[in-house]
Amino acid sequence: MNSSSRAKDGRRFQVKDFLRADGVTVDSPDDRLTMEDTLLAGDFYHKELRDGLFLHLSDVREERAFTAVSTLKEELSCIFFLDGDVEVAIGDRTFAFHGSRQRIIEGAAIMNSAPETFRRSSGGDQHLRHLVVSASPEWLNLDGLTHLRDERRASTLLKDHLADHRWSLTPRLADLVRQLFAPTPLMPELRDLYLECRAVEIVVETISAVMRAERRTDGPQLLARHDAARLQRAKDIIAVNLMQPLSVDMVAREAGTSASGLQRLFRLSEGMGVFAYVRQQRLERAFEALKAHEATIQQASIIAGYTNPANFTTAFKRHFGKTPRSIFCE
């Protein structure tokens, strides 16, 4: 059955709104909490886009500390926190989620292969912005895994009960997350298709990141485990030192490989060389700084590594399809 709920900006979610869902309980350290008290205020979206594929998006202010308890079905959850801190317990395992640090979004993938008790706790008085795309095992077996080169290897994820996979988002996946928070204006009848297409791609990109798998192409084979580890170390080094002068030799040395070997890994995995990857990451950093009004266009140009603002605008528009000014003025 297709289910949907949407809260416009300024909508207030009271205790009674949470309790309308079957099997949900709410607790709070405030003993005076009543059914009319507000827990969240802001924008909330939850919809089953097709059988077994769900999108949950929130951009809200938490006004009180509370804990909500429910039952989580068998599903793969692709989780992205942009702001706020939340602790979740699924069965006997605890997971902590934090908003992006230095505007680098972290992804999380959790597969619960059996129904479990779900407990979500937060301290209140915070801005919470997060996105979850959930897929049932049935949807994954019918649709999700067919996009991957190694279906058998990827399918092991479905049996990896409550494993916690984390990674820094690729520029493409970060862009998909942003698109769901700020979708292009469309006719109402096209909006669901727009959301569904991006949700499907997020699931595929998530499984690819977790399993180090690739989509079906005529391109290179999967990276060996030791190469995948070196590549991830190199990406972590780049992320930490993004605003510093970087050389391929330095990154390669820290990652435990040669400069030529590192170039090979990036071309196999990202379809580009190391410097192209660094430029892309700096553009992503500049985008986030503009979006959050943490930098002027001139400052964003420097963040992206451009001394000429015109060159920055050209590169920015080529990558994001929008000018820096349009992002800054949103």
Protein backbone atom coordinates (compact mmCIF):
# COMPACT_ATOMS: atom_id res chain seq x y z
CA MET A 1 0.00 0.00 0.00
CA ASN A 2 1.28 3.45 -0.84
CA SER A 3 1.55 5.67 2.23
CA SER A 4 2.55 9.30 2.43
CA SER A 5 2.80 12.11 4.94
CA ARG A 6 4.09 15.63 4.46
CA ALA A 7 4.51 18.49 6.89
CA LYS A 8 4.96 21.99 5.56
CA ASP A 9 7.36 24.51 7.09
CA GLY A 10 6.13 25.46 10.54
CA ARG A 11 4.09 22.28 11.11
CA ARG A 12 4.26 21.14 14.71
CA PHE A 13 4.43 17.46 15.67
CA GLN A 14 2.82 16.79 19.00
CA VAL A 15 3.10 13.69 21.17
CA LYS A 16 -0.30 12.53 19.91
CA ASP A 17 0.93 12.67 16.29
CA PHE A 18 3.64 10.13 17.04
CA LEU A 19 1.27 7.83 18.89
CA ARG A 20 -1.10 7.59 15.91
CA ALA A 21 1.26 5.05 14.31
CA ASP A 22 0.69 1.44 15.37
CA GLY A 23 3.04 0.16 18.05
CA VAL A 24 4.81 3.49 18.71
CA THR A 25 5.49 4.67 22.26
CA VAL A 26 7.05 7.95 23.38
CA ASP A 27 8.95 8.71 26.57
CA SER A 28 10.59 11.89 27.84
CA PRO A 29 12.63 12.99 30.87
CA ASP A 30 9.96 15.68 31.32
CA ASP A 31 7.32 14.07 33.57
CA ARG A 32 4.87 16.87 32.72
CA LEU A 33 4.75 15.98 29.02
CA THR A 34 1.18 15.88 27.66
CA MET A 35 -0.40 14.70 24.43
CA GLU A 36 -0.57 18.31 23.21
CA ASP A 37 3.10 19.13 23.73
CA THR A 38 5.25 19.70 20.64
CA LEU A 39 8.27 17.48 20.04
CA LEU A 40 9.25 18.62 16.52
CA ALA A 41 8.51 21.65 14.36
CA GLY A 42 9.39 22.03 10.70
CA ASP A 43 9.33 20.04 7.48
CA PHE A 44 8.81 16.28 7.34
CA TYR A 45 8.27 13.90 4.43
CA HIS A 46 7.66 10.15 4.49
CA LYS A 47 6.46 8.12 1.52
CA GLU A 48 6.51 4.63 0.04
CA LEU A 49 7.67 5.49 -3.49
CA ARG A 50 7.01 1.99 -4.78
CA ASP A 51 6.39 -1.34 -3.06
CA GLY A 52 9.29 -1.81 -0.64
CA LEU A 53 11.10 1.49 -1.32
CA PHE A 54 10.63 4.28 1.25
CA LEU A 55 11.86 7.86 1.50
CA HIS A 56 12.03 9.66 4.85
CA LEU A 57 13.25 13.26 4.99
CA SER A 58 13.17 15.75 7.83
CA ASP A 59 14.26 19.35 8.34
CA VAL A 60 12.94 20.13 11.81
CA ARG A 61 13.66 21.74 15.13
CA GLU A 62 13.56 19.36 18.10
CA GLU A 63 11.95 21.24 20.95
CA ARG A 64 12.17 18.56 23.64
CA ALA A 65 14.28 15.57 24.53
CA PHE A 66 12.37 12.37 23.88
CA THR A 67 12.68 8.68 23.04
CA ALA A 68 10.40 6.95 20.55
CA VAL A 69 10.12 3.16 20.42
CA SER A 70 8.68 1.12 17.56
CA THR A 71 9.35 -2.04 15.54
CA LEU A 72 11.67 -1.96 12.53
CA LYS A 73 10.92 -4.32 9.68
CA GLU A 74 13.51 -6.18 7.62
CA GLU A 75 15.14 -3.54 5.44
CA LEU A 76 18.31 -1.85 4.29
CA SER A 77 18.52 1.72 5.62
CA CYS A 78 20.66 4.26 3.76
CA ILE A 79 21.14 7.10 6.27
CA PHE A 80 22.53 10.60 5.78
CA PHE A 81 22.70 13.20 8.59
CA LEU A 82 23.38 16.80 7.65
CA ASP A 83 22.58 18.43 11.02
CA GLY A 84 21.83 17.22 14.52
CA ASP A 85 22.85 14.32 16.76
CA VAL A 86 20.66 11.27 17.33
CA GLU A 87 21.25 7.92 19.04
CA VAL A 88 19.43 4.86 17.76
CA ALA A 89 19.17 1.35 19.22
CA ILE A 90 18.12 -1.50 16.94
CA GLY A 91 17.74 -4.71 18.90
CA ASP A 92 20.77 -4.90 21.20
CA ARG A 93 23.00 -2.64 19.08
CA THR A 94 23.44 1.12 19.43
CA PHE A 95 24.24 3.54 16.60
CA ALA A 96 25.16 7.22 16.88
CA PHE A 97 24.55 9.66 14.04
CA HIS A 98 26.01 13.16 13.81
CA GLY A 99 25.51 16.04 11.43
CA SER A 100 28.20 16.60 8.82
CA ARG A 101 31.50 17.91 10.13
CA GLN A 102 33.30 20.47 7.96
CA ARG A 103 30.43 20.04 5.47
CA ILE A 104 31.61 16.54 4.51
CA ILE A 105 28.53 14.32 4.55
CA GLU A 106 28.95 10.81 5.96
CA GLY A 107 26.78 7.96 4.78
CA ALA A 108 25.64 5.02 6.88
CA ALA A 109 24.13 1.73 5.76
CA ILE A 110 22.47 -0.66 8.21
CA MET A 111 20.77 -3.91 7.22
CA ASN A 112 18.44 -5.54 9.70
CA SER A 113 17.67 -8.99 8.34
CA ALA A 114 14.98 -9.66 10.96
CA PRO A 115 12.37 -7.47 12.68
CA GLU A 116 13.85 -5.68 15.70
CA THR A 117 12.82 -3.19 18.36
CA PHE A 118 13.77 0.33 17.27
CA ARG A 119 14.55 3.03 19.85
CA ARG A 120 15.41 6.59 18.77
CA SER A 121 16.69 9.10 21.33
CA SER A 122 17.84 12.70 21.13
CA GLY A 123 18.52 15.50 23.57
CA GLY A 124 16.20 18.07 22.03
CA ASP A 125 16.84 21.78 21.38
CA GLN A 126 18.63 21.16 18.08
CA HIS A 127 18.18 21.49 14.32
CA LEU A 128 17.77 18.05 12.79
CA ARG A 129 18.20 17.51 9.06
CA HIS A 130 18.48 13.96 7.78
CA LEU A 131 17.51 11.64 4.97
CA VAL A 132 16.79 7.92 5.04
CA VAL A 133 16.07 5.73 2.03
CA SER A 134 14.89 2.26 3.07
CA ALA A 135 14.52 -0.80 0.86
CA SER A 136 12.94 -4.13 1.71
CA PRO A 137 14.74 -7.41 0.88
CA GLU A 138 12.06 -8.11 -1.73
CA TRP A 139 12.69 -4.80 -3.51
CA LEU A 140 16.45 -5.31 -3.34
CA ASN A 141 16.26 -8.79 -4.82
CA LEU A 142 13.93 -7.70 -7.61
CA ASP A 143 15.35 -4.27 -8.44
CA GLY A 144 18.25 -2.99 -6.36
CA LEU A 145 20.94 -5.63 -6.89
CA THR A 146 20.42 -6.00 -10.64
CA HIS A 147 22.37 -2.76 -11.19
CA LEU A 148 25.55 -4.17 -9.64
CA ARG A 149 28.34 -6.11 -11.28
CA ASP A 150 28.64 -8.75 -8.55
CA GLU A 151 25.10 -9.54 -7.39
CA ARG A 152 26.19 -12.53 -5.33
CA ARG A 153 28.74 -10.51 -3.39
CA ALA A 154 26.36 -7.61 -2.91
CA SER A 155 23.58 -9.93 -1.73
CA THR A 156 25.69 -10.87 1.32
CA LEU A 157 24.83 -7.40 2.63
CA LEU A 158 21.26 -8.62 3.11
CA LYS A 159 22.50 -11.23 5.60
CA ASP A 160 24.87 -8.91 7.47
CA HIS A 161 22.50 -8.29 10.37
CA LEU A 162 22.98 -4.88 12.02
CA ALA A 163 26.46 -4.29 10.60
CA ASP A 164 27.25 -0.56 10.64
CA HIS A 165 28.86 0.64 7.40
CA ARG A 166 30.13 4.27 7.22
CA TRP A 167 31.85 6.20 4.45
CA SER A 168 32.38 9.73 3.12
CA LEU A 169 30.02 10.44 0.25
CA THR A 170 31.21 10.69 -3.31
CA PRO A 171 30.38 13.99 -5.04
CA ARG A 172 27.63 12.25 -7.02
CA LEU A 173 25.94 10.81 -3.92
CA ALA A 174 26.27 14.11 -2.04
CA ASP A 175 24.55 15.82 -4.97
CA LEU A 176 21.70 13.28 -4.92
CA VAL A 177 21.14 13.94 -1.21
CA ARG A 178 21.05 17.69 -1.83
CA GLN A 179 18.60 17.22 -4.71
CA LEU A 180 16.14 15.45 -2.42
CA PHE A 181 16.30 18.29 0.11
CA ALA A 182 15.83 20.91 -2.61
CA PRO A 183 14.11 19.24 -5.57
CA THR A 184 13.70 21.03 -8.87
CA PRO A 185 10.19 22.56 -9.15
CA LEU A 186 8.06 20.12 -11.12
CA MET A 187 4.46 19.46 -11.97
CA PRO A 188 2.88 17.45 -9.11
CA GLU A 189 2.49 14.36 -11.29
CA LEU A 190 6.25 14.31 -11.99
CA ARG A 191 7.45 14.90 -8.43
CA ASP A 192 7.06 11.29 -7.27
CA LEU A 193 8.96 10.02 -10.32
CA TYR A 194 11.74 12.55 -9.62
CA LEU A 195 12.03 11.38 -6.00
CA GLU A 196 11.85 7.70 -6.92
CA CYS A 197 14.63 7.93 -9.52
CA ARG A 198 16.98 9.56 -7.03
CA ALA A 199 16.05 7.20 -4.20
CA VAL A 200 16.82 4.20 -6.43
CA GLU A 201 20.20 5.68 -7.36
CA ILE A 202 20.98 6.38 -3.70
CA VAL A 203 20.37 2.72 -2.81
CA VAL A 204 22.58 1.52 -5.67
CA GLU A 205 25.36 4.00 -4.82
CA THR A 206 25.13 2.98 -1.15
CA ILE A 207 25.49 -0.72 -1.88
CA SER A 208 28.35 0.05 -4.26
CA ALA A 209 30.14 2.04 -1.55
CA VAL A 210 29.61 -0.63 1.09
CA MET A 211 30.61 -3.59 -1.03
CA ARG A 212 33.21 -1.74 -3.15
CA ALA A 213 31.11 -2.90 -6.08
CA GLU A 214 30.53 -1.11 -9.39
CA ARG A 215 27.53 -0.83 -11.64
CA ARG A 216 27.44 -3.06 -14.66
CA THR A 217 29.70 -1.49 -17.25
CA ASP A 218 32.32 -2.65 -19.68
CA GLY A 219 34.92 -0.98 -17.49
CA PRO A 220 37.39 -2.24 -14.88
CA GLN A 221 36.92 -5.08 -12.44
CA LEU A 222 36.39 -4.71 -8.69
CA LEU A 223 39.31 -3.52 -6.62
CA ALA A 224 41.13 -6.07 -4.51
CA ARG A 225 40.63 -5.67 -0.76
CA HIS A 226 44.12 -4.22 -0.13
CA ASP A 227 43.70 -1.76 -3.03
CA ALA A 228 40.28 -0.68 -1.74
CA ALA A 229 41.84 -0.06 1.71
CA ARG A 230 44.63 2.07 0.19
CA LEU A 231 42.13 4.03 -1.87
CA GLN A 232 40.01 4.74 1.20
CA ARG A 233 43.08 5.85 3.16
CA ALA A 234 43.98 8.21 0.32
CA LYS A 235 40.45 9.67 0.28
CA ASP A 236 40.56 10.17 4.06
CA ILE A 237 43.94 11.94 3.78
CA ILE A 238 42.56 14.21 1.05
CA ALA A 239 39.44 14.99 3.08
CA VAL A 240 41.43 15.98 6.18
CA ASN A 241 43.97 18.06 4.22
CA LEU A 242 41.67 19.38 1.52
CA MET A 243 42.50 23.04 2.14
CA GLN A 244 46.26 22.38 2.27
CA PRO A 245 48.67 22.01 -0.67
CA LEU A 246 48.47 18.39 -1.80
CA SER A 247 50.74 16.33 -3.99
CA VAL A 248 50.15 12.90 -5.45
CA ASP A 249 53.46 11.70 -4.00
CA MET A 250 52.51 12.78 -0.48
CA VAL A 251 49.04 11.21 -0.58
CA ALA A 252 50.41 8.02 -2.14
CA ARG A 253 53.15 7.71 0.48
CA GLU A 254 50.66 8.14 3.34
CA ALA A 255 48.27 5.65 1.74
CA GLY A 256 51.01 3.03 1.31
CA THR A 257 51.32 2.94 -2.47
CA SER A 258 53.20 4.61 -5.33
CA ALA A 259 52.10 7.73 -7.17
CA SER A 260 51.36 5.76 -10.34
CA GLY A 261 49.55 3.11 -8.31
CA LEU A 262 47.40 5.75 -6.67
CA GLN A 263 46.51 7.30 -10.03
CA ARG A 264 45.48 3.84 -11.24
CA LEU A 265 43.22 3.28 -8.21
CA PHE A 266 41.46 6.63 -8.64
CA ARG A 267 40.90 6.05 -12.35
CA LEU A 268 39.49 2.59 -11.67
CA SER A 269 37.24 3.74 -8.83
CA GLU A 270 36.35 7.36 -9.65
CA GLY A 271 36.98 7.52 -13.39
CA MET A 272 39.40 10.41 -12.87
CA GLY A 273 42.91 11.14 -11.65
CA VAL A 274 43.89 12.29 -8.18
CA PHE A 275 44.02 16.02 -8.99
CA ALA A 276 40.65 15.92 -10.73
CA TYR A 277 39.21 14.22 -7.64
CA VAL A 278 40.76 16.88 -5.37
CA ARG A 279 39.30 19.67 -7.52
CA GLN A 280 35.89 18.03 -7.34
CA GLN A 281 36.07 17.69 -3.56
CA ARG A 282 37.08 21.35 -3.21
CA LEU A 283 34.13 22.37 -5.35
CA GLU A 284 31.89 20.31 -3.08
CA ARG A 285 33.35 22.09 -0.04
CA ALA A 286 32.78 25.47 -1.70
CA PHE A 287 29.17 24.51 -2.53
CA GLU A 288 28.44 23.62 1.10
CA ALA A 289 30.05 26.85 2.35
CA LEU A 290 27.90 28.93 -0.01
CA LYS A 291 24.76 26.97 0.81
CA ALA A 292 25.29 27.53 4.53
CA HIS A 293 26.22 31.21 3.99
CA GLU A 294 29.57 30.52 5.62
CA ALA A 295 31.54 32.09 2.76
CA THR A 296 31.20 34.81 0.17
CA ILE A 297 31.55 33.94 -3.50
CA GLN A 298 35.12 35.27 -3.42
CA GLN A 299 35.92 33.12 -0.36
CA ALA A 300 34.25 30.08 -1.95
CA SER A 301 36.43 30.61 -5.01
CA ILE A 302 39.51 30.37 -2.78
CA ILE A 303 38.11 27.28 -1.03
CA ALA A 304 37.74 25.63 -4.42
CA GLY A 305 41.32 26.55 -5.31
CA TYR A 306 40.60 29.23 -7.92
CA THR A 307 42.31 32.63 -7.95
CA ASN A 308 40.11 33.80 -10.82
CA PRO A 309 36.40 34.06 -9.82
CA ALA A 310 35.33 33.76 -13.47
CA ASN A 311 37.10 30.40 -13.78
CA PHE A 312 35.52 29.32 -10.50
CA THR A 313 32.04 30.23 -11.76
CA THR A 314 32.61 28.30 -14.98
CA ALA A 315 33.82 25.18 -13.17
CA PHE A 316 31.09 25.45 -10.54
CA LYS A 317 28.29 25.72 -13.09
CA ARG A 318 29.72 22.86 -15.15
CA HIS A 319 29.71 20.60 -12.07
CA PHE A 320 26.47 21.63 -10.33
CA GLY A 321 24.41 23.13 -13.15
CA LYS A 322 24.00 26.34 -11.11
CA THR A 323 26.08 29.45 -10.56
CA PRO A 324 27.70 30.19 -7.18
CA ARG A 325 25.52 33.29 -6.84
CA SER A 326 22.31 31.30 -7.27
CA ILE A 327 23.37 28.91 -4.49
CA PHE A 328 24.44 31.76 -2.20
CA CYS A 329 21.12 33.57 -2.72
CA GLU A 330 18.89 30.54 -2.06
